Amino acid sequence: ISADGRTDLVDSVKGRFAISRDAVKKTVYLQMNTLEPEDT
């Protein structure tokens, strides 16, 4: 995720994962849904 919020995800996680950021907290998050064994 860029400073202006533009995101890019690898094809295998598109639709399942989401990346976000909080400028105040200086934090990046990765929300992972519908996890698969291959995500290990």
Full PDB file with SEQRES, HELIX, SHEET, SSBOND, CRYST1, ORIGX, SCALE, CONECT and MASTER records, all heavy atoms in Angstrom:
SEQRES   1 A   40  ILE SER ALA ASP GLY ARG THR ASP LEU VAL ASP SER VAL          
SEQRES   2 A   40  LYS GLY ARG PHE ALA ILE SER ARG ASP ALA VAL LYS LYS          
SEQRES   3 A   40  THR VAL TYR LEU GLN MET ASN THR LEU GLU PRO GLU ASP          
SEQRES   4 A   40  THR                                                          
HELIX    1 AA1 ASP A   11  VAL A   13  5                                   3    
HELIX    2 AA2 PRO A   37  ASP A   39  5                                   3    
SHEET    1 AA1 2 PHE A  17  ASP A  22  0                                        
SHEET    2 AA1 2 THR A  27  MET A  32 -1                                        
CRYST1    1.000    1.000    1.000  90.00  90.00  90.00 P 1           1          
ORIGX1      1.000000  0.000000  0.000000        0.00000                         
ORIGX2      0.000000  1.000000  0.000000        0.00000                         
ORIGX3      0.000000  0.000000  1.000000        0.00000                         
SCALE1      1.000000  0.000000  0.000000        0.00000                         
SCALE2      0.000000  1.000000  0.000000        0.00000                         
SCALE3      0.000000  0.000000  1.000000        0.00000                         
ATOM      1  N   ILE A   1       0.857  -1.185   0.000  1.00  0.00           N  
ATOM      2  CA  ILE A   1       0.000   0.000   0.000  1.00  0.00           C  
ATOM      3  C   ILE A   1       0.890   1.230   0.000  1.00  0.00           C  
ATOM      4  O   ILE A   1       1.822   1.352   0.793  1.00  0.00           O  
ATOM      5  CB  ILE A   1      -0.978  -0.010   1.195  1.00  0.00           C  
ATOM      6  CG1 ILE A   1      -1.894   1.210   1.156  1.00  0.00           C  
ATOM      7  CG2 ILE A   1      -0.240  -0.117   2.520  1.00  0.00           C  
ATOM      8  CD1 ILE A   1      -3.078   1.098   2.121  1.00  0.00           C  
ATOM      9  N   SER A   2       0.611   2.143  -0.900  1.00  0.00           N  
ATOM     10  CA  SER A   2       1.389   3.358  -1.021  1.00  0.00           C  
ATOM     11  C   SER A   2       0.925   4.393  -0.011  1.00  0.00           C  
ATOM     12  O   SER A   2      -0.079   4.229   0.673  1.00  0.00           O  
ATOM     13  CB  SER A   2       1.274   3.919  -2.436  1.00  0.00           C  
ATOM     14  OG  SER A   2      -0.043   4.353  -2.694  1.00  0.00           O  
ATOM     15  N   ALA A   3       1.659   5.498   0.065  1.00  0.00           N  
ATOM     16  CA  ALA A   3       1.318   6.554   1.011  1.00  0.00           C  
ATOM     17  C   ALA A   3      -0.043   7.169   0.721  1.00  0.00           C  
ATOM     18  O   ALA A   3      -0.715   7.646   1.643  1.00  0.00           O  
ATOM     19  CB  ALA A   3       2.395   7.632   0.999  1.00  0.00           C  
ATOM     20  N   ASP A   4      -0.455   7.171  -0.539  1.00  0.00           N  
ATOM     21  CA  ASP A   4      -1.759   7.724  -0.888  1.00  0.00           C  
ATOM     22  C   ASP A   4      -2.872   6.683  -0.862  1.00  0.00           C  
ATOM     23  O   ASP A   4      -4.004   6.981  -1.255  1.00  0.00           O  
ATOM     24  CB  ASP A   4      -1.708   8.423  -2.249  1.00  0.00           C  
ATOM     25  CG  ASP A   4      -1.417   7.474  -3.392  1.00  0.00           C  
ATOM     26  OD1 ASP A   4      -1.246   6.266  -3.154  1.00  0.00           O  
ATOM     27  OD2 ASP A   4      -1.359   7.949  -4.547  1.00  0.00           O  
ATOM     28  N   GLY A   5      -2.560   5.461  -0.418  1.00  0.00           N  
ATOM     29  CA  GLY A   5      -3.577   4.450  -0.229  1.00  0.00           C  
ATOM     30  C   GLY A   5      -3.795   3.494  -1.382  1.00  0.00           C  
ATOM     31  O   GLY A   5      -4.697   2.650  -1.314  1.00  0.00           O  
ATOM     32  N   ARG A   6      -3.016   3.606  -2.419  1.00  0.00           N  
ATOM     33  CA  ARG A   6      -3.140   2.676  -3.543  1.00  0.00           C  
ATOM     34  C   ARG A   6      -2.609   1.310  -3.129  1.00  0.00           C  
ATOM     35  O   ARG A   6      -1.511   1.195  -2.586  1.00  0.00           O  
ATOM     36  CB  ARG A   6      -2.370   3.187  -4.758  1.00  0.00           C  
ATOM     37  CG  ARG A   6      -2.606   2.354  -6.006  1.00  0.00           C  
ATOM     38  CD  ARG A   6      -1.902   2.944  -7.207  1.00  0.00           C  
ATOM     39  NE  ARG A   6      -0.471   2.751  -7.140  1.00  0.00           N  
ATOM     40  CZ  ARG A   6       0.407   3.690  -6.834  1.00  0.00           C  
ATOM     41  NH1 ARG A   6      -0.011   4.923  -6.567  1.00  0.00           N  
ATOM     42  NH2 ARG A   6       1.693   3.418  -6.801  1.00  0.00           N  
ATOM     43  N   THR A   7      -3.381   0.260  -3.392  1.00  0.00           N  
ATOM     44  CA  THR A   7      -3.023  -1.085  -2.953  1.00  0.00           C  
ATOM     45  C   THR A   7      -2.713  -1.996  -4.131  1.00  0.00           C  
ATOM     46  O   THR A   7      -3.191  -1.796  -5.248  1.00  0.00           O  
ATOM     47  CB  THR A   7      -4.140  -1.721  -2.112  1.00  0.00           C  
ATOM     48  OG1 THR A   7      -5.325  -1.851  -2.905  1.00  0.00           O  
ATOM     49  CG2 THR A   7      -4.445  -0.864  -0.900  1.00  0.00           C  
ATOM     50  N   ASP A   8      -1.924  -3.010  -3.845  1.00  0.00           N  
ATOM     51  CA  ASP A   8      -1.593  -4.027  -4.819  1.00  0.00           C  
ATOM     52  C   ASP A   8      -1.497  -5.353  -4.079  1.00  0.00           C  
ATOM     53  O   ASP A   8      -0.832  -5.432  -3.048  1.00  0.00           O  
ATOM     54  CB  ASP A   8      -0.277  -3.695  -5.514  1.00  0.00           C  
ATOM     55  CG  ASP A   8      -0.018  -4.565  -6.732  1.00  0.00           C  
ATOM     56  OD1 ASP A   8      -0.957  -5.199  -7.224  1.00  0.00           O  
ATOM     57  OD2 ASP A   8       1.141  -4.608  -7.196  1.00  0.00           O  
ATOM     58  N   LEU A   9      -2.158  -6.378  -4.600  1.00  0.00           N  
ATOM     59  CA  LEU A   9      -2.168  -7.687  -3.967  1.00  0.00           C  
ATOM     60  C   LEU A   9      -1.820  -8.756  -4.985  1.00  0.00           C  
ATOM     61  O   LEU A   9      -2.192  -8.648  -6.165  1.00  0.00           O  
ATOM     62  CB  LEU A   9      -3.536  -8.010  -3.362  1.00  0.00           C  
ATOM     63  CG  LEU A   9      -3.969  -7.225  -2.117  1.00  0.00           C  
ATOM     64  CD1 LEU A   9      -4.638  -5.922  -2.502  1.00  0.00           C  
ATOM     65  CD2 LEU A   9      -4.910  -8.062  -1.261  1.00  0.00           C  
ATOM     66  N   VAL A  10      -1.133  -9.774  -4.528  1.00  0.00           N  
ATOM     67  CA  VAL A  10      -0.824 -10.894  -5.397  1.00  0.00           C  
ATOM     68  C   VAL A  10      -2.127 -11.616  -5.746  1.00  0.00           C  
ATOM     69  O   VAL A  10      -3.084 -11.628  -4.967  1.00  0.00           O  
ATOM     70  CB  VAL A  10       0.182 -11.843  -4.717  1.00  0.00           C  
ATOM     71  CG1 VAL A  10      -0.451 -12.552  -3.532  1.00  0.00           C  
ATOM     72  CG2 VAL A  10       0.750 -12.839  -5.700  1.00  0.00           C  
ATOM     73  N   ASP A  11      -2.170 -12.194  -6.938  1.00  0.00           N  
ATOM     74  CA  ASP A  11      -3.413 -12.782  -7.437  1.00  0.00           C  
ATOM     75  C   ASP A  11      -4.015 -13.816  -6.483  1.00  0.00           C  
ATOM     76  O   ASP A  11      -5.245 -13.899  -6.349  1.00  0.00           O  
ATOM     77  CB  ASP A  11      -3.185 -13.423  -8.804  1.00  0.00           C  
ATOM     78  CG  ASP A  11      -3.013 -12.412  -9.907  1.00  0.00           C  
ATOM     79  OD1 ASP A  11      -3.353 -11.235  -9.697  1.00  0.00           O  
ATOM     80  OD2 ASP A  11      -2.541 -12.797 -10.989  1.00  0.00           O  
ATOM     81  N   SER A  12      -3.182 -14.596  -5.829  1.00  0.00           N  
ATOM     82  CA  SER A  12      -3.677 -15.684  -5.003  1.00  0.00           C  
ATOM     83  C   SER A  12      -4.445 -15.220  -3.768  1.00  0.00           C  
ATOM     84  O   SER A  12      -5.151 -16.021  -3.152  1.00  0.00           O  
ATOM     85  CB  SER A  12      -2.521 -16.594  -4.574  1.00  0.00           C  
ATOM     86  OG  SER A  12      -1.575 -15.884  -3.803  1.00  0.00           O  
ATOM     87  N   VAL A  13      -4.321 -13.949  -3.395  1.00  0.00           N  
ATOM     88  CA  VAL A  13      -5.023 -13.455  -2.218  1.00  0.00           C  
ATOM     89  C   VAL A  13      -6.059 -12.397  -2.545  1.00  0.00           C  
ATOM     90  O   VAL A  13      -6.778 -11.944  -1.643  1.00  0.00           O  
ATOM     91  CB  VAL A  13      -4.046 -12.907  -1.158  1.00  0.00           C  
ATOM     92  CG1 VAL A  13      -2.982 -13.944  -0.823  1.00  0.00           C  
ATOM     93  CG2 VAL A  13      -3.405 -11.605  -1.627  1.00  0.00           C  
ATOM     94  N   LYS A  14      -6.172 -12.008  -3.797  1.00  0.00           N  
ATOM     95  CA  LYS A  14      -7.167 -11.012  -4.180  1.00  0.00           C  
ATOM     96  C   LYS A  14      -8.570 -11.514  -3.870  1.00  0.00           C  
ATOM     97  O   LYS A  14      -8.912 -12.653  -4.149  1.00  0.00           O  
ATOM     98  CB  LYS A  14      -7.046 -10.682  -5.669  1.00  0.00           C  
ATOM     99  CG  LYS A  14      -5.836  -9.846  -6.020  1.00  0.00           C  
ATOM    100  CD  LYS A  14      -5.786  -9.531  -7.507  1.00  0.00           C  
ATOM    101  CE  LYS A  14      -4.590  -8.663  -7.836  1.00  0.00           C  
ATOM    102  NZ  LYS A  14      -4.474  -8.400  -9.284  1.00  0.00           N  
ATOM    103  N   GLY A  15      -9.363 -10.642  -3.274  1.00  0.00           N  
ATOM    104  CA  GLY A  15     -10.703 -11.017  -2.875  1.00  0.00           C  
ATOM    105  C   GLY A  15     -10.782 -11.631  -1.496  1.00  0.00           C  
ATOM    106  O   GLY A  15     -11.881 -11.771  -0.954  1.00  0.00           O  
ATOM    107  N   ARG A  16      -9.643 -11.995  -0.925  1.00  0.00           N  
ATOM    108  CA  ARG A  16      -9.612 -12.595   0.407  1.00  0.00           C  
ATOM    109  C   ARG A  16      -8.863 -11.725   1.418  1.00  0.00           C  
ATOM    110  O   ARG A  16      -9.257 -11.643   2.577  1.00  0.00           O  
ATOM    111  CB  ARG A  16      -8.961 -13.977   0.361  1.00  0.00           C  
ATOM    112  CG  ARG A  16      -9.680 -14.975  -0.536  1.00  0.00           C  
ATOM    113  CD  ARG A  16      -9.112 -16.383  -0.376  1.00  0.00           C  
ATOM    114  NE  ARG A  16      -7.699 -16.456  -0.744  1.00  0.00           N  
ATOM    115  CZ  ARG A  16      -6.722 -16.793   0.087  1.00  0.00           C  
ATOM    116  NH1 ARG A  16      -6.995 -17.096   1.353  1.00  0.00           N  
ATOM    117  NH2 ARG A  16      -5.461 -16.856  -0.342  1.00  0.00           N  
ATOM    118  N   PHE A  17      -7.781 -11.105   0.981  1.00  0.00           N  
ATOM    119  CA  PHE A  17      -6.971 -10.272   1.864  1.00  0.00           C  
ATOM    120  C   PHE A  17      -7.204  -8.801   1.549  1.00  0.00           C  
ATOM    121  O   PHE A  17      -7.555  -8.437   0.418  1.00  0.00           O  
ATOM    122  CB  PHE A  17      -5.483 -10.561   1.689  1.00  0.00           C  
ATOM    123  CG  PHE A  17      -5.025 -11.904   2.182  1.00  0.00           C  
ATOM    124  CD1 PHE A  17      -5.916 -12.887   2.572  1.00  0.00           C  
ATOM    125  CD2 PHE A  17      -3.668 -12.176   2.251  1.00  0.00           C  
ATOM    126  CE1 PHE A  17      -5.485 -14.123   3.022  1.00  0.00           C  
ATOM    127  CE2 PHE A  17      -3.216 -13.404   2.696  1.00  0.00           C  
ATOM    128  CZ  PHE A  17      -4.120 -14.378   3.083  1.00  0.00           C  
ATOM    129  N   ALA A  18      -6.975  -7.961   2.532  1.00  0.00           N  
ATOM    130  CA  ALA A  18      -7.019  -6.522   2.343  1.00  0.00           C  
ATOM    131  C   ALA A  18      -5.922  -5.874   3.162  1.00  0.00           C  
ATOM    132  O   ALA A  18      -5.711  -6.231   4.321  1.00  0.00           O  
ATOM    133  CB  ALA A  18      -8.386  -5.966   2.740  1.00  0.00           C  
ATOM    134  N   ILE A  19      -5.226  -4.949   2.559  1.00  0.00           N  
ATOM    135  CA  ILE A  19      -4.180  -4.214   3.251  1.00  0.00           C  
ATOM    136  C   ILE A  19      -4.660  -2.787   3.491  1.00  0.00           C  
ATOM    137  O   ILE A  19      -5.326  -2.192   2.639  1.00  0.00           O  
ATOM    138  CB  ILE A  19      -2.854  -4.240   2.450  1.00  0.00           C  
ATOM    139  CG1 ILE A  19      -1.722  -3.601   3.248  1.00  0.00           C  
ATOM    140  CG2 ILE A  19      -3.026  -3.598   1.081  1.00  0.00           C  
ATOM    141  CD1 ILE A  19      -0.348  -3.809   2.624  1.00  0.00           C  
ATOM    142  N   SER A  20      -4.334  -2.247   4.649  1.00  0.00           N  
ATOM    143  CA  SER A  20      -4.727  -0.893   4.989  1.00  0.00           C  
ATOM    144  C   SER A  20      -3.659  -0.273   5.877  1.00  0.00           C  
ATOM    145  O   SER A  20      -2.775  -0.971   6.388  1.00  0.00           O  
ATOM    146  CB  SER A  20      -6.094  -0.865   5.682  1.00  0.00           C  
ATOM    147  OG  SER A  20      -6.069  -1.609   6.887  1.00  0.00           O  
ATOM    148  N   ARG A  21      -3.753   1.035   6.067  1.00  0.00           N  
ATOM    149  CA  ARG A  21      -2.764   1.712   6.898  1.00  0.00           C  
ATOM    150  C   ARG A  21      -3.412   2.821   7.704  1.00  0.00           C  
ATOM    151  O   ARG A  21      -4.439   3.385   7.308  1.00  0.00           O  
ATOM    152  CB  ARG A  21      -1.607   2.263   6.048  1.00  0.00           C  
ATOM    153  CG  ARG A  21      -2.007   3.303   5.020  1.00  0.00           C  
ATOM    154  CD  ARG A  21      -0.866   3.578   4.046  1.00  0.00           C  
ATOM    155  NE  ARG A  21       0.219   4.339   4.655  1.00  0.00           N  
ATOM    156  CZ  ARG A  21       1.438   4.472   4.126  1.00  0.00           C  
ATOM    157  NH1 ARG A  21       1.734   3.852   2.981  1.00  0.00           N  
ATOM    158  NH2 ARG A  21       2.351   5.203   4.750  1.00  0.00           N  
ATOM    159  N   ASP A  22      -2.797   3.131   8.829  1.00  0.00           N  
ATOM    160  CA  ASP A  22      -3.231   4.182   9.727  1.00  0.00           C  
ATOM    161  C   ASP A  22      -2.044   5.112   9.913  1.00  0.00           C  
ATOM    162  O   ASP A  22      -1.051   4.740  10.544  1.00  0.00           O  
ATOM    163  CB  ASP A  22      -3.683   3.601  11.064  1.00  0.00           C  
ATOM    164  CG  ASP A  22      -4.258   4.638  12.004  1.00  0.00           C  
ATOM    165  OD1 ASP A  22      -3.720   5.756  12.084  1.00  0.00           O  
ATOM    166  OD2 ASP A  22      -5.261   4.321  12.681  1.00  0.00           O  
ATOM    167  N   ALA A  23      -2.136   6.307   9.356  1.00  0.00           N  
ATOM    168  CA  ALA A  23      -1.009   7.235   9.382  1.00  0.00           C  
ATOM    169  C   ALA A  23      -0.688   7.703  10.798  1.00  0.00           C  
ATOM    170  O   ALA A  23       0.483   7.864  11.158  1.00  0.00           O  
ATOM    171  CB  ALA A  23      -1.306   8.431   8.485  1.00  0.00           C  
ATOM    172  N   VAL A  24      -1.722   7.931  11.608  1.00  0.00           N  
ATOM    173  CA  VAL A  24      -1.504   8.407  12.966  1.00  0.00           C  
ATOM    174  C   VAL A  24      -0.782   7.362  13.802  1.00  0.00           C  
ATOM    175  O   VAL A  24       0.149   7.670  14.548  1.00  0.00           O  
ATOM    176  CB  VAL A  24      -2.836   8.802  13.631  1.00  0.00           C  
ATOM    177  CG1 VAL A  24      -2.614   9.173  15.087  1.00  0.00           C  
ATOM    178  CG2 VAL A  24      -3.479   9.944  12.878  1.00  0.00           C  
ATOM    179  N   LYS A  25      -1.204   6.119  13.688  1.00  0.00           N  
ATOM    180  CA  LYS A  25      -0.600   5.035  14.452  1.00  0.00           C  
ATOM    181  C   LYS A  25       0.662   4.482  13.805  1.00  0.00           C  
ATOM    182  O   LYS A  25       1.341   3.645  14.410  1.00  0.00           O  
ATOM    183  CB  LYS A  25      -1.602   3.899  14.637  1.00  0.00           C  
ATOM    184  CG  LYS A  25      -2.814   4.268  15.461  1.00  0.00           C  
ATOM    185  CD  LYS A  25      -3.750   3.075  15.615  1.00  0.00           C  
ATOM    186  CE  LYS A  25      -4.951   3.423  16.455  1.00  0.00           C  
ATOM    187  NZ  LYS A  25      -5.893   2.272  16.591  1.00  0.00           N  
ATOM    188  N   LYS A  26       0.982   4.944  12.598  1.00  0.00           N  
ATOM    189  CA  LYS A  26       2.131   4.427  11.849  1.00  0.00           C  
ATOM    190  C   LYS A  26       2.054   2.910  11.763  1.00  0.00           C  
ATOM    191  O   LYS A  26       3.025   2.195  12.033  1.00  0.00           O  
ATOM    192  CB  LYS A  26       3.444   4.871  12.487  1.00  0.00           C  
ATOM    193  CG  LYS A  26       3.641   6.375  12.532  1.00  0.00           C  
ATOM    194  CD  LYS A  26       5.006   6.725  13.111  1.00  0.00           C  
ATOM    195  CE  LYS A  26       5.233   8.227  13.166  1.00  0.00           C  
ATOM    196  NZ  LYS A  26       4.307   8.904  14.110  1.00  0.00           N  
ATOM    197  N   THR A  27       0.903   2.429  11.363  1.00  0.00           N  
ATOM    198  CA  THR A  27       0.618   1.007  11.377  1.00  0.00           C  
ATOM    199  C   THR A  27       0.049   0.546  10.046  1.00  0.00           C  
ATOM    200  O   THR A  27      -0.752   1.252   9.432  1.00  0.00           O  
ATOM    201  CB  THR A  27      -0.373   0.675  12.503  1.00  0.00           C  
ATOM    202  OG1 THR A  27       0.203   1.026  13.766  1.00  0.00           O  
ATOM    203  CG2 THR A  27      -0.726  -0.804  12.505  1.00  0.00           C  
ATOM    204  N   VAL A  28       0.461  -0.626   9.631  1.00  0.00           N  
ATOM    205  CA  VAL A  28      -0.115  -1.289   8.472  1.00  0.00           C  
ATOM    206  C   VAL A  28      -0.792  -2.569   8.938  1.00  0.00           C  
ATOM    207  O   VAL A  28      -0.301  -3.252   9.842  1.00  0.00           O  
ATOM    208  CB  VAL A  28       0.948  -1.587   7.391  1.00  0.00           C  
ATOM    209  CG1 VAL A  28       2.039  -2.514   7.920  1.00  0.00           C  
ATOM    210  CG2 VAL A  28       0.301  -2.168   6.143  1.00  0.00           C  
ATOM    211  N   TYR A  29      -1.929  -2.878   8.334  1.00  0.00           N  
ATOM    212  CA  TYR A  29      -2.699  -4.057   8.684  1.00  0.00           C  
ATOM    213  C   TYR A  29      -2.836  -4.968   7.471  1.00  0.00           C  
ATOM    214  O   TYR A  29      -2.845  -4.515   6.326  1.00  0.00           O  
ATOM    215  CB  TYR A  29      -4.102  -3.688   9.160  1.00  0.00           C  
ATOM    216  CG  TYR A  29      -4.137  -2.739  10.327  1.00  0.00           C  
ATOM    217  CD1 TYR A  29      -4.261  -1.369  10.130  1.00  0.00           C  
ATOM    218  CD2 TYR A  29      -4.056  -3.210  11.638  1.00  0.00           C  
ATOM    219  CE1 TYR A  29      -4.300  -0.491  11.199  1.00  0.00           C  
ATOM    220  CE2 TYR A  29      -4.093  -2.336  12.708  1.00  0.00           C  
ATOM    221  CZ  TYR A  29      -4.214  -0.980  12.489  1.00  0.00           C  
ATOM    222  OH  TYR A  29      -4.253  -0.115  13.561  1.00  0.00           O  
ATOM    223  N   LEU A  30      -2.954  -6.242   7.742  1.00  0.00           N  
ATOM    224  CA  LEU A  30      -3.319  -7.201   6.716  1.00  0.00           C  
ATOM    225  C   LEU A  30      -4.493  -8.011   7.239  1.00  0.00           C  
ATOM    226  O   LEU A  30      -4.323  -8.848   8.133  1.00  0.00           O  
ATOM    227  CB  LEU A  30      -2.151  -8.124   6.360  1.00  0.00           C  
ATOM    228  CG  LEU A  30      -2.412  -9.083   5.202  1.00  0.00           C  
ATOM    229  CD1 LEU A  30      -2.587  -8.308   3.889  1.00  0.00           C  
ATOM    230  CD2 LEU A  30      -1.294 -10.104   5.065  1.00  0.00           C  
ATOM    231  N   GLN A  31      -5.673  -7.738   6.710  1.00  0.00           N  
ATOM    232  CA  GLN A  31      -6.862  -8.500   7.061  1.00  0.00           C  
ATOM    233  C   GLN A  31      -6.935  -9.710   6.143  1.00  0.00           C  
ATOM    234  O   GLN A  31      -7.017  -9.555   4.921  1.00  0.00           O  
ATOM    235  CB  GLN A  31      -8.116  -7.643   6.916  1.00  0.00           C  
ATOM    236  CG  GLN A  31      -9.412  -8.377   7.232  1.00  0.00           C  
ATOM    237  CD  GLN A  31      -9.513  -8.784   8.682  1.00  0.00           C  
ATOM    238  OE1 GLN A  31      -9.282  -7.972   9.577  1.00  0.00           O  
ATOM    239  NE2 GLN A  31      -9.837 -10.050   8.923  1.00  0.00           N  
ATOM    240  N   MET A  32      -6.910 -10.885   6.723  1.00  0.00           N  
ATOM    241  CA  MET A  32      -6.881 -12.126   5.967  1.00  0.00           C  
ATOM    242  C   MET A  32      -8.164 -12.897   6.243  1.00  0.00           C  
ATOM    243  O   MET A  32      -8.405 -13.326   7.372  1.00  0.00           O  
ATOM    244  CB  MET A  32      -5.665 -12.967   6.337  1.00  0.00           C  
ATOM    245  CG  MET A  32      -4.334 -12.231   6.168  1.00  0.00           C  
ATOM    246  SD  MET A  32      -2.907 -13.286   6.499  1.00  0.00           S  
ATOM    247  CE  MET A  32      -3.137 -13.565   8.255  1.00  0.00           C  
ATOM    248  N   ASN A  33      -8.975 -13.060   5.215  1.00  0.00           N  
ATOM    249  CA  ASN A  33     -10.229 -13.791   5.312  1.00  0.00           C  
ATOM    250  C   ASN A  33     -10.184 -15.033   4.433  1.00  0.00           C  
ATOM    251  O   ASN A  33      -9.365 -15.130   3.520  1.00  0.00           O  
ATOM    252  CB  ASN A  33     -11.406 -12.906   4.895  1.00  0.00           C  
ATOM    253  CG  ASN A  33     -11.559 -11.682   5.749  1.00  0.00           C  
ATOM    254  OD1 ASN A  33     -11.352 -11.723   6.965  1.00  0.00           O  
ATOM    255  ND2 ASN A  33     -11.941 -10.564   5.130  1.00  0.00           N  
ATOM    256  N   THR A  34     -11.091 -15.951   4.711  1.00  0.00           N  
ATOM    257  CA  THR A  34     -11.189 -17.187   3.939  1.00  0.00           C  
ATOM    258  C   THR A  34      -9.812 -17.821   3.770  1.00  0.00           C  
ATOM    259  O   THR A  34      -9.388 -18.167   2.664  1.00  0.00           O  
ATOM    260  CB  THR A  34     -11.845 -16.926   2.574  1.00  0.00           C  
ATOM    261  OG1 THR A  34     -12.929 -16.005   2.714  1.00  0.00           O  
ATOM    262  CG2 THR A  34     -12.409 -18.229   1.993  1.00  0.00           C  
ATOM    263  N   LEU A  35      -9.133 -17.969   4.878  1.00  0.00           N  
ATOM    264  CA  LEU A  35      -7.766 -18.481   4.845  1.00  0.00           C  
ATOM    265  C   LEU A  35      -7.719 -19.924   4.362  1.00  0.00           C  
ATOM    266  O   LEU A  35      -8.622 -20.722   4.641  1.00  0.00           O  
ATOM    267  CB  LEU A  35      -7.127 -18.370   6.221  1.00  0.00           C  
ATOM    268  CG  LEU A  35      -6.642 -16.962   6.583  1.00  0.00           C  
ATOM    269  CD1 LEU A  35      -6.471 -16.819   8.087  1.00  0.00           C  
ATOM    270  CD2 LEU A  35      -5.331 -16.657   5.861  1.00  0.00           C  
ATOM    271  N   GLU A  36      -6.673 -20.230   3.646  1.00  0.00           N  
ATOM    272  CA  GLU A  36      -6.446 -21.551   3.080  1.00  0.00           C  
ATOM    273  C   GLU A  36      -5.141 -22.120   3.626  1.00  0.00           C  
ATOM    274  O   GLU A  36      -4.260 -21.368   4.029  1.00  0.00           O  
ATOM    275  CB  GLU A  36      -6.375 -21.466   1.551  1.00  0.00           C  
ATOM    276  CG  GLU A  36      -7.594 -20.839   0.911  1.00  0.00           C  
ATOM    277  CD  GLU A  36      -7.404 -20.530  -0.552  1.00  0.00           C  
ATOM    278  OE1 GLU A  36      -6.260 -20.651  -1.047  1.00  0.00           O  
ATOM    279  OE2 GLU A  36      -8.403 -20.177  -1.212  1.00  0.00           O  
ATOM    280  N   PRO A  37      -4.998 -23.446   3.635  1.00  0.00           N  
ATOM    281  CA  PRO A  37      -3.732 -24.026   4.096  1.00  0.00           C  
ATOM    282  C   PRO A  37      -2.519 -23.483   3.355  1.00  0.00           C  
ATOM    283  O   PRO A  37      -1.436 -23.370   3.947  1.00  0.00           O  
ATOM    284  CB  PRO A  37      -3.924 -25.526   3.832  1.00  0.00           C  
ATOM    285  CG  PRO A  37      -5.394 -25.724   3.952  1.00  0.00           C  
ATOM    286  CD  PRO A  37      -6.006 -24.478   3.372  1.00  0.00           C  
ATOM    287  N   GLU A  38      -2.696 -23.124   2.100  1.00  0.00           N  
ATOM    288  CA  GLU A  38      -1.609 -22.576   1.298  1.00  0.00           C  
ATOM    289  C   GLU A  38      -1.147 -21.210   1.789  1.00  0.00           C  
ATOM    290  O   GLU A  38      -0.081 -20.738   1.380  1.00  0.00           O  
ATOM    291  CB  GLU A  38      -2.019 -22.489  -0.174  1.00  0.00           C  
ATOM    292  CG  GLU A  38      -2.211 -23.840  -0.859  1.00  0.00           C  
ATOM    293  CD  GLU A  38      -3.502 -24.548  -0.451  1.00  0.00           C  
ATOM    294  OE1 GLU A  38      -4.418 -23.886   0.082  1.00  0.00           O  
ATOM    295  OE2 GLU A  38      -3.590 -25.779  -0.663  1.00  0.00           O  
ATOM    296  N   ASP A  39      -1.931 -20.573   2.642  1.00  0.00           N  
ATOM    297  CA  ASP A  39      -1.537 -19.293   3.218  1.00  0.00           C  
ATOM    298  C   ASP A  39      -0.584 -19.448   4.392  1.00  0.00           C  
ATOM    299  O   ASP A  39      -0.058 -18.453   4.896  1.00  0.00           O  
ATOM    300  CB  ASP A  39      -2.772 -18.507   3.672  1.00  0.00           C  
ATOM    301  CG  ASP A  39      -3.703 -18.153   2.528  1.00  0.00           C  
ATOM    302  OD1 ASP A  39      -3.204 -17.732   1.467  1.00  0.00           O  
ATOM    303  OD2 ASP A  39      -4.931 -18.293   2.705  1.00  0.00           O  
ATOM    304  N   THR A  40      -0.375 -20.659   4.849  1.00  0.00           N  
ATOM    305  CA  THR A  40       0.523 -20.906   5.973  1.00  0.00           C  
ATOM    306  C   THR A  40       1.934 -20.437   5.640  1.00  0.00           C  
ATOM    307  O   THR A  40       2.510 -20.841   4.629  1.00  0.00           O  
ATOM    308  CB  THR A  40       0.540 -22.392   6.334  1.00  0.00           C  
ATOM    309  OG1 THR A  40      -0.760 -22.785   6.789  1.00  0.00           O  
ATOM    310  CG2 THR A  40       1.553 -22.675   7.432  1.00  0.00           C  
TER     311      THR A  40                                                      
MASTER        0    0    0    2    2    0    0    6  310    1    0    4          
END                                                                             
